[in-house]
């Protein structure tokens, strides 16, 4: 798995498709406001990634479903596991078979 592109899975899915279509002008309405506030909250509450400490124990936690794969690379520091990278990927049609 490639951890060069890492992001945290948000707690709630934010529907951007109901706010903007590529050929339409942005319509700022209640749905847009709610999506904006939810995005700001998700960024503000994101898990802080730790710096890698050479020589510490690492652990790779993965989860897969029929439609996506997720993983977290964590390290043990001061008797506590902390994330250093997140990865998630939606499977395309051929990968789901």
PDB file of N, CA and C in Angstrom:
ATOM      1  N   UNK A   1       0.832  -1.184   0.000  1.00  0.00           N
ATOM      2  CA  UNK A   1       0.000   0.000   0.000  1.00  0.00           C
ATOM      3  C   UNK A   1       0.874   1.244   0.000  1.00  0.00           C
ATOM      4  N   UNK A   2       0.444   2.231  -0.680  1.00  0.00           N
ATOM      5  CA  UNK A   2       1.195   3.481  -0.777  1.00  0.00           C
ATOM      6  C   UNK A   2       0.634   4.493   0.208  1.00  0.00           C
ATOM      7  N   UNK A   3       1.454   4.876   1.203  1.00  0.00           N
ATOM      8  CA  UNK A   3       1.015   5.842   2.199  1.00  0.00           C
ATOM      9  C   UNK A   3       1.430   7.261   1.838  1.00  0.00           C
ATOM     10  N   UNK A   4       1.892   7.485   0.608  1.00  0.00           N
ATOM     11  CA  UNK A   4       2.303   8.841   0.237  1.00  0.00           C
ATOM     12  C   UNK A   4       1.104   9.780   0.142  1.00  0.00           C
ATOM     13  N   UNK A   5      -0.071   9.234  -0.120  1.00  0.00           N
ATOM     14  CA  UNK A   5      -1.290  10.042  -0.091  1.00  0.00           C
ATOM     15  C   UNK A   5      -2.109   9.549   1.079  1.00  0.00           C
ATOM     16  N   UNK A   6      -2.096  10.274   2.160  1.00  0.00           N
ATOM     17  CA  UNK A   6      -2.759   9.829   3.381  1.00  0.00           C
ATOM     18  C   UNK A   6      -3.822  10.819   3.787  1.00  0.00           C
ATOM     19  N   UNK A   7      -4.950  10.298   4.204  1.00  0.00           N
ATOM     20  CA  UNK A   7      -5.997  11.150   4.735  1.00  0.00           C
ATOM     21  C   UNK A   7      -6.788  10.346   5.741  1.00  0.00           C
ATOM     22  N   UNK A   8      -7.421  11.028   6.619  1.00  0.00           N
ATOM     23  CA  UNK A   8      -8.222  10.377   7.643  1.00  0.00           C
ATOM     24  C   UNK A   8      -9.643  10.228   7.144  1.00  0.00           C
ATOM     25  N   UNK A   9     -10.206   9.089   7.380  1.00  0.00           N
ATOM     26  CA  UNK A   9     -11.600   8.878   7.015  1.00  0.00           C
ATOM     27  C   UNK A   9     -12.467   9.736   7.924  1.00  0.00           C
ATOM     28  N   UNK A  10     -13.293  10.598   7.366  1.00  0.00           N
ATOM     29  CA  UNK A  10     -14.143  11.434   8.213  1.00  0.00           C
ATOM     30  C   UNK A  10     -15.210  10.602   8.907  1.00  0.00           C
ATOM     31  N   UNK A  11     -15.677  11.103  10.060  1.00  0.00           N
ATOM     32  CA  UNK A  11     -16.718  10.409  10.807  1.00  0.00           C
ATOM     33  C   UNK A  11     -18.035  10.394  10.048  1.00  0.00           C
ATOM     34  N   UNK A  12     -18.309  11.446   9.314  1.00  0.00           N
ATOM     35  CA  UNK A  12     -19.560  11.541   8.569  1.00  0.00           C
ATOM     36  C   UNK A  12     -19.240  11.795   7.104  1.00  0.00           C
ATOM     37  N   UNK A  13     -19.999  11.175   6.247  1.00  0.00           N
ATOM     38  CA  UNK A  13     -19.840  11.437   4.819  1.00  0.00           C
ATOM     39  C   UNK A  13     -20.530  12.756   4.495  1.00  0.00           C
ATOM     40  N   UNK A  14     -19.840  13.602   3.764  1.00  0.00           N
ATOM     41  CA  UNK A  14     -20.387  14.898   3.376  1.00  0.00           C
ATOM     42  C   UNK A  14     -20.732  14.825   1.900  1.00  0.00           C
ATOM     43  N   UNK A  15     -21.978  15.054   1.578  1.00  0.00           N
ATOM     44  CA  UNK A  15     -22.411  14.977   0.195  1.00  0.00           C
ATOM     45  C   UNK A  15     -22.136  16.295  -0.507  1.00  0.00           C
ATOM     46  N   UNK A  16     -21.127  16.274  -1.373  1.00  0.00           N
ATOM     47  CA  UNK A  16     -20.802  17.469  -2.144  1.00  0.00           C
ATOM     48  C   UNK A  16     -21.610  17.510  -3.434  1.00  0.00           C
ATOM     49  N   UNK A  17     -22.081  16.348  -3.872  1.00  0.00           N
ATOM     50  CA  UNK A  17     -22.793  16.299  -5.144  1.00  0.00           C
ATOM     51  C   UNK A  17     -24.105  17.065  -5.104  1.00  0.00           C
ATOM     52  N   UNK A  18     -24.714  17.158  -3.925  1.00  0.00           N
ATOM     53  CA  UNK A  18     -25.976  17.892  -3.850  1.00  0.00           C
ATOM     54  C   UNK A  18     -25.758  19.397  -3.860  1.00  0.00           C
ATOM     55  N   UNK A  19     -24.525  19.823  -3.659  1.00  0.00           N
ATOM     56  CA  UNK A  19     -24.215  21.248  -3.595  1.00  0.00           C
ATOM     57  C   UNK A  19     -23.769  21.777  -4.949  1.00  0.00           C
ATOM     58  N   UNK A  20     -22.945  21.013  -5.663  1.00  0.00           N
ATOM     59  CA  UNK A  20     -22.362  21.546  -6.890  1.00  0.00           C
ATOM     60  C   UNK A  20     -22.258  20.477  -7.972  1.00  0.00           C
ATOM     61  N   UNK A  21     -22.674  20.833  -9.133  1.00  0.00           N
ATOM     62  CA  UNK A  21     -22.459  20.028 -10.330  1.00  0.00           C
ATOM     63  C   UNK A  21     -21.436  20.784 -11.173  1.00  0.00           C
ATOM     64  N   UNK A  22     -20.642  20.076 -11.954  1.00  0.00           N
ATOM     65  CA  UNK A  22     -19.542  20.716 -12.680  1.00  0.00           C
ATOM     66  C   UNK A  22     -20.006  21.787 -13.663  1.00  0.00           C
ATOM     67  N   UNK A  23     -21.199  21.657 -14.217  1.00  0.00           N
ATOM     68  CA  UNK A  23     -21.659  22.629 -15.208  1.00  0.00           C
ATOM     69  C   UNK A  23     -22.522  23.742 -14.609  1.00  0.00           C
ATOM     70  N   UNK A  24     -22.727  23.708 -13.310  1.00  0.00           N
ATOM     71  CA  UNK A  24     -23.583  24.709 -12.675  1.00  0.00           C
ATOM     72  C   UNK A  24     -22.765  25.702 -11.866  1.00  0.00           C
ATOM     73  N   UNK A  25     -23.333  26.888 -11.679  1.00  0.00           N
ATOM     74  CA  UNK A  25     -22.737  27.843 -10.754  1.00  0.00           C
ATOM     75  C   UNK A  25     -23.022  27.372  -9.340  1.00  0.00           C
ATOM     76  N   UNK A  26     -22.143  27.733  -8.429  1.00  0.00           N
ATOM     77  CA  UNK A  26     -22.325  27.364  -7.037  1.00  0.00           C
ATOM     78  C   UNK A  26     -23.534  28.089  -6.458  1.00  0.00           C
ATOM     79  N   UNK A  27     -24.438  27.317  -5.896  1.00  0.00           N
ATOM     80  CA  UNK A  27     -25.622  27.887  -5.251  1.00  0.00           C
ATOM     81  C   UNK A  27     -25.437  27.735  -3.748  1.00  0.00           C
ATOM     82  N   UNK A  28     -25.262  28.853  -3.057  1.00  0.00           N
ATOM     83  CA  UNK A  28     -25.053  28.799  -1.614  1.00  0.00           C
ATOM     84  C   UNK A  28     -26.413  28.780  -0.931  1.00  0.00           C
ATOM     85  N   UNK A  29     -26.756  27.621  -0.387  1.00  0.00           N
ATOM     86  CA  UNK A  29     -28.032  27.457   0.288  1.00  0.00           C
ATOM     87  C   UNK A  29     -27.792  26.748   1.618  1.00  0.00           C
ATOM     88  N   UNK A  30     -28.846  26.290   2.248  1.00  0.00           N
ATOM     89  CA  UNK A  30     -28.718  25.625   3.552  1.00  0.00           C
ATOM     90  C   UNK A  30     -27.874  24.353   3.452  1.00  0.00           C
ATOM     91  N   UNK A  31     -28.041  23.576   2.375  1.00  0.00           N
ATOM     92  CA  UNK A  31     -27.225  22.371   2.180  1.00  0.00           C
ATOM     93  C   UNK A  31     -25.751  22.719   2.038  1.00  0.00           C
ATOM     94  N   UNK A  32     -25.453  23.776   1.289  1.00  0.00           N
ATOM     95  CA  UNK A  32     -24.065  24.207   1.120  1.00  0.00           C
ATOM     96  C   UNK A  32     -23.478  24.653   2.450  1.00  0.00           C
ATOM     97  N   UNK A  33     -24.256  25.388   3.218  1.00  0.00           N
ATOM     98  CA  UNK A  33     -23.794  25.863   4.530  1.00  0.00           C
ATOM     99  C   UNK A  33     -23.514  24.686   5.463  1.00  0.00           C
ATOM    100  N   UNK A  34     -24.397  23.704   5.481  1.00  0.00           N
ATOM    101  CA  UNK A  34     -24.198  22.529   6.333  1.00  0.00           C
ATOM    102  C   UNK A  34     -22.970  21.732   5.906  1.00  0.00           C
ATOM    103  N   UNK A  35     -22.765  21.567   4.599  1.00  0.00           N
ATOM    104  CA  UNK A  35     -21.591  20.852   4.104  1.00  0.00           C
ATOM    105  C   UNK A  35     -20.313  21.598   4.456  1.00  0.00           C
ATOM    106  N   UNK A  36     -20.332  22.928   4.351  1.00  0.00           N
ATOM    107  CA  UNK A  36     -19.169  23.751   4.682  1.00  0.00           C
ATOM    108  C   UNK A  36     -18.828  23.632   6.165  1.00  0.00           C
ATOM    109  N   UNK A  37     -19.833  23.720   7.025  1.00  0.00           N
ATOM    110  CA  UNK A  37     -19.608  23.615   8.471  1.00  0.00           C
ATOM    111  C   UNK A  37     -19.104  22.215   8.830  1.00  0.00           C
ATOM    112  N   UNK A  38     -19.671  21.186   8.214  1.00  0.00           N
ATOM    113  CA  UNK A  38     -19.222  19.816   8.476  1.00  0.00           C
ATOM    114  C   UNK A  38     -17.772  19.616   8.039  1.00  0.00           C
ATOM    115  N   UNK A  39     -17.390  20.190   6.902  1.00  0.00           N
ATOM    116  CA  UNK A  39     -16.007  20.086   6.430  1.00  0.00           C
ATOM    117  C   UNK A  39     -15.051  20.805   7.369  1.00  0.00           C
ATOM    118  N   UNK A  40     -15.430  22.006   7.817  1.00  0.00           N
ATOM    119  CA  UNK A  40     -14.592  22.749   8.771  1.00  0.00           C
ATOM    120  C   UNK A  40     -14.422  21.969  10.071  1.00  0.00           C
ATOM    121  N   UNK A  41     -15.495  21.381  10.550  1.00  0.00           N
ATOM    122  CA  UNK A  41     -15.438  20.608  11.789  1.00  0.00           C
ATOM    123  C   UNK A  41     -14.545  19.380  11.622  1.00  0.00           C
ATOM    124  N   UNK A  42     -14.666  18.686  10.501  1.00  0.00           N
ATOM    125  CA  UNK A  42     -13.841  17.503  10.252  1.00  0.00           C
ATOM    126  C   UNK A  42     -12.357  17.861  10.218  1.00  0.00           C
ATOM    127  N   UNK A  43     -12.021  18.993   9.613  1.00  0.00           N
ATOM    128  CA  UNK A  43     -10.624  19.434   9.570  1.00  0.00           C
ATOM    129  C   UNK A  43     -10.138  19.793  10.964  1.00  0.00           C
ATOM    130  N   UNK A  44     -10.959  20.508  11.721  1.00  0.00           N
ATOM    131  CA  UNK A  44     -10.564  20.943  13.066  1.00  0.00           C
ATOM    132  C   UNK A  44     -10.391  19.768  14.023  1.00  0.00           C
ATOM    133  N   UNK A  45     -11.164  18.707  13.825  1.00  0.00           N
ATOM    134  CA  UNK A  45     -11.117  17.566  14.730  1.00  0.00           C
ATOM    135  C   UNK A  45     -10.269  16.411  14.203  1.00  0.00           C
ATOM    136  N   UNK A  46      -9.529  16.635  13.135  1.00  0.00           N
ATOM    137  CA  UNK A  46      -8.719  15.573  12.538  1.00  0.00           C
ATOM    138  C   UNK A  46      -7.660  15.084  13.522  1.00  0.00           C
ATOM    139  N   UNK A  47      -7.384  13.799  13.457  1.00  0.00           N
ATOM    140  CA  UNK A  47      -6.364  13.210  14.310  1.00  0.00           C
ATOM    141  C   UNK A  47      -4.994  13.749  13.930  1.00  0.00           C
ATOM    142  N   UNK A  48      -4.244  14.154  14.929  1.00  0.00           N
ATOM    143  CA  UNK A  48      -2.899  14.672  14.701  1.00  0.00           C
ATOM    144  C   UNK A  48      -1.958  13.508  14.434  1.00  0.00           C
ATOM    145  N   UNK A  49      -1.279  13.541  13.297  1.00  0.00           N
ATOM    146  CA  UNK A  49      -0.314  12.502  12.968  1.00  0.00           C
ATOM    147  C   UNK A  49       0.988  12.760  13.708  1.00  0.00           C
ATOM    148  N   UNK A  50       1.620  11.709  14.155  1.00  0.00           N
ATOM    149  CA  UNK A  50       2.889  11.820  14.872  1.00  0.00           C
ATOM    150  C   UNK A  50       4.055  11.741  13.901  1.00  0.00           C
ATOM    151  N   UNK A  51       5.176  12.275  14.335  1.00  0.00           N
ATOM    152  CA  UNK A  51       6.417  12.136  13.578  1.00  0.00           C
ATOM    153  C   UNK A  51       6.960  10.726  13.819  1.00  0.00           C
ATOM    154  N   UNK A  52       7.522  10.125  12.792  1.00  0.00           N
ATOM    155  CA  UNK A  52       8.115   8.803  12.937  1.00  0.00           C
ATOM    156  C   UNK A  52       9.351   8.889  13.818  1.00  0.00           C
ATOM    157  N   UNK A  53       9.444   7.976  14.777  1.00  0.00           N
ATOM    158  CA  UNK A  53      10.607   7.898  15.650  1.00  0.00           C
ATOM    159  C   UNK A  53      11.378   6.642  15.254  1.00  0.00           C
ATOM    160  N   UNK A  54      12.605   6.789  14.724  1.00  0.00           N
ATOM    161  CA  UNK A  54      13.380   5.615  14.308  1.00  0.00           C
ATOM    162  C   UNK A  54      13.561   4.623  15.460  1.00  0.00           C
ATOM    163  N   UNK A  55      13.422   3.348  15.158  1.00  0.00           N
ATOM    164  CA  UNK A  55      13.652   2.305  16.148  1.00  0.00           C
ATOM    165  C   UNK A  55      12.441   1.916  16.971  1.00  0.00           C
ATOM    166  N   UNK A  56      11.314   2.612  16.827  1.00  0.00           N
ATOM    167  CA  UNK A  56      10.119   2.250  17.590  1.00  0.00           C
ATOM    168  C   UNK A  56       9.340   1.159  16.868  1.00  0.00           C
ATOM    169  N   UNK A  57       8.523   0.457  17.617  1.00  0.00           N
ATOM    170  CA  UNK A  57       7.709  -0.614  17.060  1.00  0.00           C
ATOM    171  C   UNK A  57       6.604  -0.016  16.196  1.00  0.00           C
ATOM    172  N   UNK A  58       6.400  -0.598  14.998  1.00  0.00           N
ATOM    173  CA  UNK A  58       5.355  -0.148  14.077  1.00  0.00           C
ATOM    174  C   UNK A  58       4.280  -1.218  13.953  1.00  0.00           C
ATOM    175  N   UNK A  59       3.078  -0.780  13.627  1.00  0.00           N
ATOM    176  CA  UNK A  59       1.972  -1.696  13.407  1.00  0.00           C
ATOM    177  C   UNK A  59       1.128  -1.171  12.249  1.00  0.00           C
ATOM    178  N   UNK A  60       0.738  -2.076  11.360  1.00  0.00           N
ATOM    179  CA  UNK A  60      -0.122  -1.719  10.235  1.00  0.00           C
ATOM    180  C   UNK A  60      -1.494  -2.333  10.481  1.00  0.00           C
ATOM    181  N   UNK A  61      -2.492  -1.476  10.618  1.00  0.00           N
ATOM    182  CA  UNK A  61      -3.869  -1.918  10.837  1.00  0.00           C
ATOM    183  C   UNK A  61      -4.630  -1.699   9.540  1.00  0.00           C
ATOM    184  N   UNK A  62      -5.269  -2.741   9.027  1.00  0.00           N
ATOM    185  CA  UNK A  62      -5.992  -2.636   7.759  1.00  0.00           C
ATOM    186  C   UNK A  62      -7.411  -3.168   7.909  1.00  0.00           C
ATOM    187  N   UNK A  63      -8.279  -2.670   7.053  1.00  0.00           N
ATOM    188  CA  UNK A  63      -9.660  -3.114   7.008  1.00  0.00           C
ATOM    189  C   UNK A  63     -10.100  -3.047   5.554  1.00  0.00           C
ATOM    190  N   UNK A  64     -10.837  -4.039   5.124  1.00  0.00           N
ATOM    191  CA  UNK A  64     -11.312  -4.057   3.746  1.00  0.00           C
ATOM    192  C   UNK A  64     -12.775  -4.473   3.718  1.00  0.00           C
ATOM    193  N   UNK A  65     -13.486  -3.917   2.786  1.00  0.00           N
ATOM    194  CA  UNK A  65     -14.875  -4.305   2.551  1.00  0.00           C
ATOM    195  C   UNK A  65     -15.015  -4.627   1.073  1.00  0.00           C
ATOM    196  N   UNK A  66     -16.222  -4.802   0.625  1.00  0.00           N
ATOM    197  CA  UNK A  66     -16.450  -5.076  -0.793  1.00  0.00           C
ATOM    198  C   UNK A  66     -16.203  -3.855  -1.668  1.00  0.00           C
ATOM    199  N   UNK A  67     -16.164  -2.668  -1.073  1.00  0.00           N
ATOM    200  CA  UNK A  67     -16.057  -1.450  -1.872  1.00  0.00           C
ATOM    201  C   UNK A  67     -14.838  -0.582  -1.565  1.00  0.00           C
ATOM    202  N   UNK A  68     -14.127  -0.844  -0.450  1.00  0.00           N
ATOM    203  CA  UNK A  68     -13.009   0.031  -0.084  1.00  0.00           C
ATOM    204  C   UNK A  68     -11.983  -0.701   0.772  1.00  0.00           C
ATOM    205  N   UNK A  69     -10.776  -0.110   0.823  1.00  0.00           N
ATOM    206  CA  UNK A  69      -9.681  -0.595   1.660  1.00  0.00           C
ATOM    207  C   UNK A  69      -9.189   0.590   2.471  1.00  0.00           C
ATOM    208  N   UNK A  70      -8.918   0.355   3.758  1.00  0.00           N
ATOM    209  CA  UNK A  70      -8.398   1.407   4.624  1.00  0.00           C
ATOM    210  C   UNK A  70      -7.236   0.850   5.423  1.00  0.00           C
ATOM    211  N   UNK A  71      -6.319   1.725   5.791  1.00  0.00           N
ATOM    212  CA  UNK A  71      -5.197   1.296   6.607  1.00  0.00           C
ATOM    213  C   UNK A  71      -4.656   2.429   7.450  1.00  0.00           C
ATOM    214  N   UNK A  72      -4.052   2.056   8.581  1.00  0.00           N
ATOM    215  CA  UNK A  72      -3.400   3.014   9.464  1.00  0.00           C
ATOM    216  C   UNK A  72      -2.044   2.449   9.844  1.00  0.00           C
ATOM    217  N   UNK A  73      -1.006   3.233   9.658  1.00  0.00           N
ATOM    218  CA  UNK A  73       0.331   2.874  10.114  1.00  0.00           C
ATOM    219  C   UNK A  73       0.543   3.596  11.435  1.00  0.00           C
ATOM    220  N   UNK A  74       0.780   2.828  12.500  1.00  0.00           N
ATOM    221  CA  UNK A  74       0.922   3.404  13.836  1.00  0.00           C
ATOM    222  C   UNK A  74       2.261   3.009  14.432  1.00  0.00           C
ATOM    223  N   UNK A  75       2.698   3.777  15.429  1.00  0.00           N
ATOM    224  CA  UNK A  75       3.930   3.455  16.147  1.00  0.00           C
ATOM    225  C   UNK A  75       3.661   3.484  17.646  1.00  0.00           C
ATOM    226  N   UNK A  76       4.431   2.677  18.364  1.00  0.00           N
ATOM    227  CA  UNK A  76       4.305   2.604  19.811  1.00  0.00           C
ATOM    228  C   UNK A  76       5.305   3.570  20.430  1.00  0.00           C
ATOM    229  N   UNK A  77       4.794   4.521  21.185  1.00  0.00           N
ATOM    230  CA  UNK A  77       5.648   5.515  21.836  1.00  0.00           C
ATOM    231  C   UNK A  77       5.089   5.798  23.221  1.00  0.00           C
ATOM    232  N   UNK A  78       5.918   5.647  24.232  1.00  0.00           N
ATOM    233  CA  UNK A  78       5.499   5.867  25.623  1.00  0.00           C
ATOM    234  C   UNK A  78       4.281   5.012  25.966  1.00  0.00           C
ATOM    235  N   UNK A  79       4.317   3.734  25.550  1.00  0.00           N
ATOM    236  CA  UNK A  79       3.276   2.745  25.842  1.00  0.00           C
ATOM    237  C   UNK A  79       1.913   3.104  25.250  1.00  0.00           C
ATOM    238  N   UNK A  80       1.912   3.902  24.192  1.00  0.00           N
ATOM    239  CA  UNK A  80       0.658   4.299  23.555  1.00  0.00           C
ATOM    240  C   UNK A  80       0.833   4.266  22.039  1.00  0.00           C
ATOM    241  N   UNK A  81      -0.141   3.680  21.331  1.00  0.00           N
ATOM    242  CA  UNK A  81      -0.114   3.654  19.879  1.00  0.00           C
ATOM    243  C   UNK A  81      -0.582   4.997  19.337  1.00  0.00           C
ATOM    244  N   UNK A  82       0.150   5.506  18.360  1.00  0.00           N
ATOM    245  CA  UNK A  82      -0.225   6.759  17.716  1.00  0.00           C
ATOM    246  C   UNK A  82      -0.076   6.645  16.211  1.00  0.00           C
ATOM    247  N   UNK A  83      -1.014   7.212  15.453  1.00  0.00           N
ATOM    248  CA  UNK A  83      -0.964   7.098  13.994  1.00  0.00           C
ATOM    249  C   UNK A  83       0.130   7.971  13.388  1.00  0.00           C
ATOM    250  N   UNK A  84       0.807   7.432  12.372  1.00  0.00           N
ATOM    251  CA  UNK A  84       1.760   8.243  11.605  1.00  0.00           C
ATOM    252  C   UNK A  84       1.321   8.370  10.149  1.00  0.00           C
ATOM    253  N   UNK A  85       0.350   7.536   9.722  1.00  0.00           N
ATOM    254  CA  UNK A  85      -0.164   7.655   8.353  1.00  0.00           C
ATOM    255  C   UNK A  85      -1.518   6.956   8.244  1.00  0.00           C
ATOM    256  N   UNK A  86      -2.378   7.526   7.426  1.00  0.00           N
ATOM    257  CA  UNK A  86      -3.676   6.932   7.103  1.00  0.00           C
ATOM    258  C   UNK A  86      -3.741   6.727   5.597  1.00  0.00           C
ATOM    259  N   UNK A  87      -4.492   5.710   5.164  1.00  0.00           N
ATOM    260  CA  UNK A  87      -4.693   5.482   3.747  1.00  0.00           C
ATOM    261  C   UNK A  87      -6.091   4.918   3.561  1.00  0.00           C
ATOM    262  N   UNK A  88      -6.777   5.383   2.544  1.00  0.00           N
ATOM    263  CA  UNK A  88      -8.047   4.767   2.175  1.00  0.00           C
ATOM    264  C   UNK A  88      -8.183   4.824   0.665  1.00  0.00           C
ATOM    265  N   UNK A  89      -8.846   3.820   0.126  1.00  0.00           N
ATOM    266  CA  UNK A  89      -8.989   3.746  -1.319  1.00  0.00           C
ATOM    267  C   UNK A  89     -10.306   3.055  -1.648  1.00  0.00           C
ATOM    268  N   UNK A  90     -11.089   3.687  -2.500  1.00  0.00           N
ATOM    269  CA  UNK A  90     -12.318   3.066  -2.988  1.00  0.00           C
ATOM    270  C   UNK A  90     -11.935   2.125  -4.124  1.00  0.00           C
ATOM    271  N   UNK A  91     -12.464   0.928  -4.114  1.00  0.00           N
ATOM    272  CA  UNK A  91     -12.163  -0.047  -5.152  1.00  0.00           C
ATOM    273  C   UNK A  91     -12.955   0.257  -6.419  1.00  0.00           C
ATOM    274  N   UNK A  92     -12.283   0.114  -7.559  1.00  0.00           N
ATOM    275  CA  UNK A  92     -13.003   0.310  -8.814  1.00  0.00           C
ATOM    276  C   UNK A  92     -13.773  -0.970  -9.157  1.00  0.00           C
ATOM    277  N   UNK A  93     -14.525  -0.925 -10.216  1.00  0.00           N
ATOM    278  CA  UNK A  93     -15.420  -2.029 -10.566  1.00  0.00           C
ATOM    279  C   UNK A  93     -14.670  -3.350 -10.738  1.00  0.00           C
ATOM    280  N   UNK A  94     -13.522  -3.331 -11.414  1.00  0.00           N
ATOM    281  CA  UNK A  94     -12.779  -4.574 -11.634  1.00  0.00           C
ATOM    282  C   UNK A  94     -12.142  -5.102 -10.348  1.00  0.00           C
ATOM    283  N   UNK A  95     -11.821  -4.235  -9.406  1.00  0.00           N
ATOM    284  CA  UNK A  95     -11.227  -4.670  -8.141  1.00  0.00           C
ATOM    285  C   UNK A  95     -12.269  -5.259  -7.194  1.00  0.00           C
ATOM    286  N   UNK A  96     -13.522  -4.943  -7.396  1.00  0.00           N
ATOM    287  CA  UNK A  96     -14.584  -5.445  -6.529  1.00  0.00           C
ATOM    288  C   UNK A  96     -14.984  -6.873  -6.851  1.00  0.00           C
ATOM    289  N   UNK A  97     -14.512  -7.418  -7.955  1.00  0.00           N
ATOM    290  CA  UNK A  97     -14.902  -8.781  -8.349  1.00  0.00           C
ATOM    291  C   UNK A  97     -13.955  -9.804  -7.793  1.00  0.00           C
TER     292      UNK A  97
END
